[in-house]
């Protein structure tokens, strides 16, 4: 991946959250999460910037923390995407930013 902030887009983060959703769909337990920062200084090395997004039509990967869990029968996995997760700072600052997911298209969740 190249590009800085994707065609002049403001710096942002995308957080992915994976849930164990109960059969009734009314409750869910967070299993793991991950975040990707774009166009922001690195927290571990301020001289570096998190880059690597080539714009809205380019692939965008978010890696989540690994885990080993058995999902009970009747439960299902839920994936949440957000531009703000208080567990990861700094958060996205531009209220005009939106996440668009291609359901039935190239979006995917890879599980080992």
Foldseek 3Di string as FASTA:
>chain_A
DDFAQAPPDDKFKKKKWKWWAALVRPDIDTDKMWMATGNAADPVHRVDGRHDDHHDVDDDDTDIDDDDDDRDPSIDMDMDMDRDDPVDPDGDDDPVDDDDDDVVDDDDDDDD
